[in-house]
C-alpha atoms as a PDB file:
ATOM      1  CA  UNK A   1       6.395  -3.061  32.774  1.00  0.00           C
ATOM      2  CA  UNK A   2       2.639  -3.829  32.760  1.00  0.00           C
ATOM      3  CA  UNK A   3       2.146  -0.587  30.769  1.00  0.00           C
ATOM      4  CA  UNK A   4       4.305  -1.960  27.924  1.00  0.00           C
ATOM      5  CA  UNK A   5       2.376  -5.249  27.838  1.00  0.00           C
ATOM      6  CA  UNK A   6      -0.908  -3.410  27.175  1.00  0.00           C
ATOM      7  CA  UNK A   7       0.596  -0.976  24.642  1.00  0.00           C
ATOM      8  CA  UNK A   8      -1.296  -1.476  21.345  1.00  0.00           C
ATOM      9  CA  UNK A   9       1.143   0.895  19.630  1.00  0.00           C
ATOM     10  CA  UNK A  10       4.049  -1.540  19.589  1.00  0.00           C
ATOM     11  CA  UNK A  11       4.574  -3.606  16.433  1.00  0.00           C
ATOM     12  CA  UNK A  12       3.194  -6.827  17.958  1.00  0.00           C
ATOM     13  CA  UNK A  13       0.079  -5.012  19.152  1.00  0.00           C
ATOM     14  CA  UNK A  14      -0.535  -3.512  15.714  1.00  0.00           C
ATOM     15  CA  UNK A  15      -0.060  -6.901  14.044  1.00  0.00           C
ATOM     16  CA  UNK A  16      -2.575  -8.423  16.465  1.00  0.00           C
ATOM     17  CA  UNK A  17      -5.086  -5.659  15.704  1.00  0.00           C
ATOM     18  CA  UNK A  18      -4.676  -6.182  11.939  1.00  0.00           C
ATOM     19  CA  UNK A  19      -5.249  -9.930  12.339  1.00  0.00           C
ATOM     20  CA  UNK A  20      -8.324  -9.337  14.503  1.00  0.00           C
ATOM     21  CA  UNK A  21      -9.682  -6.911  11.887  1.00  0.00           C
ATOM     22  CA  UNK A  22      -9.263  -9.578   9.190  1.00  0.00           C
ATOM     23  CA  UNK A  23     -10.819 -12.362  11.282  1.00  0.00           C
ATOM     24  CA  UNK A  24     -13.840 -10.256  12.276  1.00  0.00           C
ATOM     25  CA  UNK A  25     -14.272  -8.406   8.965  1.00  0.00           C
ATOM     26  CA  UNK A  26     -13.774  -4.995  10.624  1.00  0.00           C
ATOM     27  CA  UNK A  27     -13.053  -2.257   8.092  1.00  0.00           C
ATOM     28  CA  UNK A  28     -12.021   0.599  10.390  1.00  0.00           C
ATOM     29  CA  UNK A  29     -10.597   0.957  13.903  1.00  0.00           C
ATOM     30  CA  UNK A  30      -9.556   4.096  15.838  1.00  0.00           C
ATOM     31  CA  UNK A  31      -7.723   3.888  19.161  1.00  0.00           C
ATOM     32  CA  UNK A  32      -6.257   6.454  21.523  1.00  0.00           C
ATOM     33  CA  UNK A  33      -3.925   5.683  24.417  1.00  0.00           C
ATOM     34  CA  UNK A  34      -1.808   8.047  26.515  1.00  0.00           C
ATOM     35  CA  UNK A  35      -1.963  10.855  23.956  1.00  0.00           C
ATOM     36  CA  UNK A  36      -1.176   8.557  21.016  1.00  0.00           C
ATOM     37  CA  UNK A  37      -3.730   7.827  18.301  1.00  0.00           C
ATOM     38  CA  UNK A  38      -3.857   4.850  15.941  1.00  0.00           C
ATOM     39  CA  UNK A  39      -6.231   4.595  12.988  1.00  0.00           C
ATOM     40  CA  UNK A  40      -6.478   1.353  10.975  1.00  0.00           C
ATOM     41  CA  UNK A  41      -8.553   1.117   7.799  1.00  0.00           C
ATOM     42  CA  UNK A  42      -8.792  -1.886   5.498  1.00  0.00           C
ATOM     43  CA  UNK A  43      -8.394  -0.764   1.906  1.00  0.00           C
ATOM     44  CA  UNK A  44      -9.505  -4.146   0.570  1.00  0.00           C
ATOM     45  CA  UNK A  45      -9.823  -7.627   2.056  1.00  0.00           C
ATOM     46  CA  UNK A  46      -6.513  -8.709   3.541  1.00  0.00           C
ATOM     47  CA  UNK A  47      -4.827  -5.292   3.528  1.00  0.00           C
ATOM     48  CA  UNK A  48      -4.782  -2.563   6.153  1.00  0.00           C
ATOM     49  CA  UNK A  49      -3.921   1.114   5.922  1.00  0.00           C
ATOM     50  CA  UNK A  50      -2.196   2.438   9.025  1.00  0.00           C
ATOM     51  CA  UNK A  51      -2.053   6.041  10.213  1.00  0.00           C
ATOM     52  CA  UNK A  52      -0.549   6.921  13.557  1.00  0.00           C
ATOM     53  CA  UNK A  53      -0.176  10.170  15.452  1.00  0.00           C
ATOM     54  CA  UNK A  54       2.109   9.533  18.382  1.00  0.00           C
ATOM     55  CA  UNK A  55       2.774  12.098  21.071  1.00  0.00           C
ATOM     56  CA  UNK A  56       6.402  12.125  22.247  1.00  0.00           C
ATOM     57  CA  UNK A  57       7.104  10.322  25.508  1.00  0.00           C
ATOM     58  CA  UNK A  58       9.195  11.840  28.251  1.00  0.00           C
ATOM     59  CA  UNK A  59      12.730  12.465  26.978  1.00  0.00           C
ATOM     60  CA  UNK A  60      11.752  12.269  23.289  1.00  0.00           C
ATOM     61  CA  UNK A  61      11.666  15.144  20.834  1.00  0.00           C
ATOM     62  CA  UNK A  62       8.690  15.710  18.547  1.00  0.00           C
ATOM     63  CA  UNK A  63       9.651  15.926  14.879  1.00  0.00           C
ATOM     64  CA  UNK A  64       7.949  18.214  12.408  1.00  0.00           C
ATOM     65  CA  UNK A  65       5.811  16.433   9.834  1.00  0.00           C
ATOM     66  CA  UNK A  66       7.632  15.669   6.610  1.00  0.00           C
ATOM     67  CA  UNK A  67       6.584  16.878   3.198  1.00  0.00           C
ATOM     68  CA  UNK A  68       3.950  14.837   1.383  1.00  0.00           C
ATOM     69  CA  UNK A  69       5.196  11.798  -0.494  1.00  0.00           C
ATOM     70  CA  UNK A  70       5.669  12.277  -4.197  1.00  0.00           C
ATOM     71  CA  UNK A  71       5.483   9.588  -6.828  1.00  0.00           C
ATOM     72  CA  UNK A  72       7.759   9.473  -9.822  1.00  0.00           C
ATOM     73  CA  UNK A  73       6.758   9.293 -13.435  1.00  0.00           C
ATOM     74  CA  UNK A  74       6.584   6.216 -15.619  1.00  0.00           C
ATOM     75  CA  UNK A  75       9.084   3.467 -14.729  1.00  0.00           C
ATOM     76  CA  UNK A  76       9.243   1.824 -18.137  1.00  0.00           C
ATOM     77  CA  UNK A  77       8.584   3.038 -21.625  1.00  0.00           C
ATOM     78  CA  UNK A  78       5.242   1.930 -22.907  1.00  0.00           C
ATOM     79  CA  UNK A  79       3.614   1.874 -26.303  1.00  0.00           C
ATOM     80  CA  UNK A  80       1.533   4.901 -27.166  1.00  0.00           C
ATOM     81  CA  UNK A  81      -2.094   4.321 -26.195  1.00  0.00           C
ATOM     82  CA  UNK A  82      -4.969   6.736 -26.392  1.00  0.00           C
ATOM     83  CA  UNK A  83      -5.489   8.199 -22.920  1.00  0.00           C
ATOM     84  CA  UNK A  84      -9.138   8.935 -23.622  1.00  0.00           C
ATOM     85  CA  UNK A  85      -9.962   5.267 -24.217  1.00  0.00           C
ATOM     86  CA  UNK A  86     -12.818   4.234 -21.972  1.00  0.00           C
ATOM     87  CA  UNK A  87     -11.336   0.732 -21.757  1.00  0.00           C
ATOM     88  CA  UNK A  88      -8.189   1.939 -19.959  1.00  0.00           C
ATOM     89  CA  UNK A  89      -8.512   1.629 -16.178  1.00  0.00           C
ATOM     90  CA  UNK A  90      -6.013   2.507 -13.474  1.00  0.00           C
ATOM     91  CA  UNK A  91      -4.827   0.179 -10.716  1.00  0.00           C
ATOM     92  CA  UNK A  92      -4.270   2.388  -7.673  1.00  0.00           C
ATOM     93  CA  UNK A  93      -2.362   1.793  -4.463  1.00  0.00           C
ATOM     94  CA  UNK A  94      -4.637   0.393  -1.744  1.00  0.00           C
ATOM     95  CA  UNK A  95      -2.331   1.697   0.989  1.00  0.00           C
ATOM     96  CA  UNK A  96       0.612   3.876   1.976  1.00  0.00           C
ATOM     97  CA  UNK A  97       4.003   2.198   1.658  1.00  0.00           C
ATOM     98  CA  UNK A  98       6.867   1.299  -0.645  1.00  0.00           C
ATOM     99  CA  UNK A  99       6.083  -0.077  -4.117  1.00  0.00           C
ATOM    100  CA  UNK A 100       8.002  -3.138  -5.321  1.00  0.00           C
ATOM    101  CA  UNK A 101       7.516  -4.470  -8.844  1.00  0.00           C
ATOM    102  CA  UNK A 102       9.065  -7.877  -8.092  1.00  0.00           C
ATOM    103  CA  UNK A 103       9.216 -10.323  -5.176  1.00  0.00           C
ATOM    104  CA  UNK A 104      12.972  -9.727  -4.750  1.00  0.00           C
ATOM    105  CA  UNK A 105      15.539  -7.333  -6.249  1.00  0.00           C
ATOM    106  CA  UNK A 106      16.964  -9.959  -8.616  1.00  0.00           C
ATOM    107  CA  UNK A 107      13.595 -11.472  -9.668  1.00  0.00           C
ATOM    108  CA  UNK A 108      11.565 -10.579 -12.749  1.00  0.00           C
ATOM    109  CA  UNK A 109       8.721  -8.087 -12.219  1.00  0.00           C
ATOM    110  CA  UNK A 110       5.268  -9.468 -11.474  1.00  0.00           C
ATOM    111  CA  UNK A 111       3.966  -7.738 -14.634  1.00  0.00           C
ATOM    112  CA  UNK A 112       5.328  -5.601 -17.434  1.00  0.00           C
ATOM    113  CA  UNK A 113       3.825  -3.663 -20.329  1.00  0.00           C
ATOM    114  CA  UNK A 114       1.972  -6.066 -22.624  1.00  0.00           C
ATOM    115  CA  UNK A 115       1.260  -8.703 -19.941  1.00  0.00           C
ATOM    116  CA  UNK A 116      -2.290  -9.973 -19.465  1.00  0.00           C
ATOM    117  CA  UNK A 117      -3.749  -9.838 -15.961  1.00  0.00           C
ATOM    118  CA  UNK A 118      -6.762 -11.359 -14.250  1.00  0.00           C
ATOM    119  CA  UNK A 119      -8.480 -10.028 -11.116  1.00  0.00           C
ATOM    120  CA  UNK A 120      -6.503 -12.340  -8.794  1.00  0.00           C
ATOM    121  CA  UNK A 121      -3.099 -11.804 -10.492  1.00  0.00           C
ATOM    122  CA  UNK A 122      -0.540 -10.106  -8.203  1.00  0.00           C
ATOM    123  CA  UNK A 123       0.794  -7.012  -9.983  1.00  0.00           C
ATOM    124  CA  UNK A 124       3.125  -5.702  -7.246  1.00  0.00           C
ATOM    125  CA  UNK A 125       3.933  -5.699  -3.537  1.00  0.00           C
ATOM    126  CA  UNK A 126       3.526  -2.749  -1.198  1.00  0.00           C
ATOM    127  CA  UNK A 127       5.566  -2.798   1.993  1.00  0.00           C
ATOM    128  CA  UNK A 128       4.081  -1.069   5.015  1.00  0.00           C
ATOM    129  CA  UNK A 129       5.683  -1.355   8.454  1.00  0.00           C
ATOM    130  CA  UNK A 130       7.879  -4.297   7.333  1.00  0.00           C
ATOM    131  CA  UNK A 131       4.791  -6.217   6.160  1.00  0.00           C
ATOM    132  CA  UNK A 132       4.726  -7.095   2.458  1.00  0.00           C
ATOM    133  CA  UNK A 133       1.229  -6.965   0.944  1.00  0.00           C
ATOM    134  CA  UNK A 134       0.397  -8.483  -2.447  1.00  0.00           C
ATOM    135  CA  UNK A 135      -1.666  -6.169  -4.642  1.00  0.00           C
ATOM    136  CA  UNK A 136      -4.031  -7.984  -7.042  1.00  0.00           C
ATOM    137  CA  UNK A 137      -5.050  -6.450 -10.390  1.00  0.00           C
ATOM    138  CA  UNK A 138      -8.783  -6.701  -9.531  1.00  0.00           C
ATOM    139  CA  UNK A 139      -9.578  -6.393 -13.267  1.00  0.00           C
ATOM    140  CA  UNK A 140      -8.896  -8.402 -16.422  1.00  0.00           C
ATOM    141  CA  UNK A 141      -6.918  -6.826 -19.216  1.00  0.00           C
ATOM    142  CA  UNK A 142      -3.501  -5.943 -20.567  1.00  0.00           C
ATOM    143  CA  UNK A 143      -0.916  -3.750 -18.805  1.00  0.00           C
ATOM    144  CA  UNK A 144      -0.366  -0.693 -21.026  1.00  0.00           C
ATOM    145  CA  UNK A 145       1.701   1.456 -18.665  1.00  0.00           C
ATOM    146  CA  UNK A 146       3.689   1.152 -15.432  1.00  0.00           C
ATOM    147  CA  UNK A 147       3.421   4.467 -13.572  1.00  0.00           C
ATOM    148  CA  UNK A 148       5.906   4.061 -10.677  1.00  0.00           C
ATOM    149  CA  UNK A 149       9.402   2.660 -10.191  1.00  0.00           C
ATOM    150  CA  UNK A 150      10.291  -0.144  -7.819  1.00  0.00           C
ATOM    151  CA  UNK A 151      11.311   1.324  -4.468  1.00  0.00           C
ATOM    152  CA  UNK A 152       9.146   4.447  -4.828  1.00  0.00           C
ATOM    153  CA  UNK A 153       7.047   5.603  -1.890  1.00  0.00           C
ATOM    154  CA  UNK A 154       3.314   5.568  -2.679  1.00  0.00           C
ATOM    155  CA  UNK A 155       0.250   6.909  -0.921  1.00  0.00           C
ATOM    156  CA  UNK A 156      -3.276   5.560  -0.773  1.00  0.00           C
ATOM    157  CA  UNK A 157      -4.798   6.066  -4.233  1.00  0.00           C
ATOM    158  CA  UNK A 158      -1.510   6.604  -6.096  1.00  0.00           C
ATOM    159  CA  UNK A 159      -1.922   5.354  -9.701  1.00  0.00           C
ATOM    160  CA  UNK A 160       0.356   2.314 -10.213  1.00  0.00           C
ATOM    161  CA  UNK A 161      -0.618   0.771 -13.564  1.00  0.00           C
ATOM    162  CA  UNK A 162      -2.833   1.487 -16.558  1.00  0.00           C
ATOM    163  CA  UNK A 163      -4.711  -1.553 -17.841  1.00  0.00           C
ATOM    164  CA  UNK A 164      -6.688  -1.892 -21.045  1.00  0.00           C
ATOM    165  CA  UNK A 165      -9.715  -3.722 -19.739  1.00  0.00           C
ATOM    166  CA  UNK A 166     -11.176  -6.698 -21.626  1.00  0.00           C
END
């Protein structure tokens, strides 16, 4: 029973580690315990990227790794914009998880094509390990294209939106 209490690989332990990383401005943490490895990296202030390689415990079966996640094409039609424009920037996923365009299934999306954004404007939510993380635009401009659909799995660096920067 004492082994379980010290297990940093349970959900409460991971949450505690993420909070400690935020409080102490730690950007990366690697841990290994009983053949299991946990790597936490902060993609930007307030968000953490989690990778885990867990060895099976007695009585468990190891599963083969799944195929890489794929992102879908554009979620909404957008007006034609020149792709070579130097003012068009891409907002990319800061973490691995599930992309949500709105705060709830029946709510309006945070942003849509034609909306203006500021650096602190939330453009979407990415869910990772049942934790919902707001993703800010981090630039000022106008949304010209939405590149993923709500509910799609995304990886770190997946392009989410194209923004014509002001």
